[in-house]
Amino acid sequence: MNIDRMILAFAGSMILISLLLSQVHSIYWLWFTAFVGANLLQSSFTGFCPLAKILKPLGLKPGSAFD
């Protein structure tokens, strides 16, 4: 698995978990959903992703999106 796929899987998981938590715990978990979405949007324009910077030193191979 490369960095790009790991980021997409992580972001998708965080969105689904926060949506679930907003239904069973508190509506304020939707702020976390918005944060993840905003981070995905800004990384699509800038190419900067904090998670990519963390995963690269851990030995994952970069894909074409986050070099």
C-alpha atoms as a PDB file:
ATOM      1  CA  MET A   1       0.000   0.000   0.000  1.00  0.00           C
ATOM      2  CA  ASN A   2       1.370   3.411  -0.881  1.00  0.00           C
ATOM      3  CA  ILE A   3       0.973   6.712   0.955  1.00  0.00           C
ATOM      4  CA  ASP A   4      -1.867   7.931  -1.278  1.00  0.00           C
ATOM      5  CA  ARG A   5      -4.047   4.904  -0.605  1.00  0.00           C
ATOM      6  CA  MET A   6      -3.240   4.970   3.112  1.00  0.00           C
ATOM      7  CA  ILE A   7      -4.289   8.635   3.339  1.00  0.00           C
ATOM      8  CA  LEU A   8      -7.556   7.986   1.520  1.00  0.00           C
ATOM      9  CA  ALA A   9      -8.317   4.976   3.724  1.00  0.00           C
ATOM     10  CA  PHE A  10      -7.470   6.911   6.901  1.00  0.00           C
ATOM     11  CA  ALA A  11      -9.522   9.971   5.901  1.00  0.00           C
ATOM     12  CA  GLY A  12     -12.497   7.839   4.896  1.00  0.00           C
ATOM     13  CA  SER A  13     -12.332   5.946   8.177  1.00  0.00           C
ATOM     14  CA  MET A  14     -12.151   9.153  10.215  1.00  0.00           C
ATOM     15  CA  ILE A  15     -15.147  10.600   8.366  1.00  0.00           C
ATOM     16  CA  LEU A  16     -17.256   7.485   8.916  1.00  0.00           C
ATOM     17  CA  ILE A  17     -16.250   7.198  12.586  1.00  0.00           C
ATOM     18  CA  SER A  18     -17.021  10.861  13.261  1.00  0.00           C
ATOM     19  CA  LEU A  19     -20.387  10.555  11.508  1.00  0.00           C
ATOM     20  CA  LEU A  20     -21.219   7.578  13.687  1.00  0.00           C
ATOM     21  CA  LEU A  21     -20.104   9.427  16.823  1.00  0.00           C
ATOM     22  CA  SER A  22     -22.228  12.432  15.855  1.00  0.00           C
ATOM     23  CA  GLN A  23     -25.288  10.179  15.845  1.00  0.00           C
ATOM     24  CA  VAL A  24     -24.650   8.276  19.057  1.00  0.00           C
ATOM     25  CA  HIS A  25     -22.713  10.762  21.168  1.00  0.00           C
ATOM     26  CA  SER A  26     -22.727  14.437  20.185  1.00  0.00           C
ATOM     27  CA  ILE A  27     -23.546  16.502  17.119  1.00  0.00           C
ATOM     28  CA  TYR A  28     -20.269  18.359  17.631  1.00  0.00           C
ATOM     29  CA  TRP A  29     -18.354  15.436  16.115  1.00  0.00           C
ATOM     30  CA  LEU A  30     -19.418  16.859  12.749  1.00  0.00           C
ATOM     31  CA  TRP A  31     -16.779  19.556  13.265  1.00  0.00           C
ATOM     32  CA  PHE A  32     -14.159  16.813  13.016  1.00  0.00           C
ATOM     33  CA  THR A  33     -15.797  15.596   9.800  1.00  0.00           C
ATOM     34  CA  ALA A  34     -15.567  19.135   8.420  1.00  0.00           C
ATOM     35  CA  PHE A  35     -11.896  19.361   9.463  1.00  0.00           C
ATOM     36  CA  VAL A  36     -11.012  16.144   7.628  1.00  0.00           C
ATOM     37  CA  GLY A  37     -12.893  17.303   4.532  1.00  0.00           C
ATOM     38  CA  ALA A  38     -11.205  20.708   4.593  1.00  0.00           C
ATOM     39  CA  ASN A  39      -7.811  19.062   4.963  1.00  0.00           C
ATOM     40  CA  LEU A  40      -8.510  16.840   1.943  1.00  0.00           C
ATOM     41  CA  LEU A  41      -9.613  19.862  -0.059  1.00  0.00           C
ATOM     42  CA  GLN A  42      -6.545  21.954   0.771  1.00  0.00           C
ATOM     43  CA  SER A  43      -4.200  19.041   0.064  1.00  0.00           C
ATOM     44  CA  SER A  44      -5.746  18.634  -3.387  1.00  0.00           C
ATOM     45  CA  PHE A  45      -4.708  22.213  -4.204  1.00  0.00           C
ATOM     46  CA  THR A  46      -1.389  22.486  -2.362  1.00  0.00           C
ATOM     47  CA  GLY A  47      -0.100  18.908  -2.344  1.00  0.00           C
ATOM     48  CA  PHE A  48       0.710  19.244   1.371  1.00  0.00           C
ATOM     49  CA  CYS A  49      -0.716  16.628   3.705  1.00  0.00           C
ATOM     50  CA  PRO A  50       0.431  16.293   7.333  1.00  0.00           C
ATOM     51  CA  LEU A  51      -0.292  12.552   7.371  1.00  0.00           C
ATOM     52  CA  ALA A  52       1.903  12.081   4.279  1.00  0.00           C
ATOM     53  CA  LYS A  53       4.774  13.744   6.134  1.00  0.00           C
ATOM     54  CA  ILE A  54       4.279  11.261   8.999  1.00  0.00           C
ATOM     55  CA  LEU A  55       3.963   8.156   6.815  1.00  0.00           C
ATOM     56  CA  LYS A  56       6.978   8.820   4.577  1.00  0.00           C
ATOM     57  CA  PRO A  57       9.612   8.337   7.347  1.00  0.00           C
ATOM     58  CA  LEU A  58       7.778   5.162   8.397  1.00  0.00           C
ATOM     59  CA  GLY A  59       8.823   3.595   5.107  1.00  0.00           C
ATOM     60  CA  LEU A  60       5.673   3.727   2.991  1.00  0.00           C
ATOM     61  CA  LYS A  61       6.284   4.335  -0.675  1.00  0.00           C
ATOM     62  CA  PRO A  62       4.951   7.637  -2.025  1.00  0.00           C
ATOM     63  CA  GLY A  63       2.335   7.604  -4.737  1.00  0.00           C
ATOM     64  CA  SER A  64       1.900  10.242  -7.394  1.00  0.00           C
ATOM     65  CA  ALA A  65      -0.178  12.681  -5.301  1.00  0.00           C
ATOM     66  CA  PHE A  66       1.991  13.219  -2.202  1.00  0.00           C
ATOM     67  CA  ASP A  67       5.669  13.197  -3.188  1.00  0.00           C
END
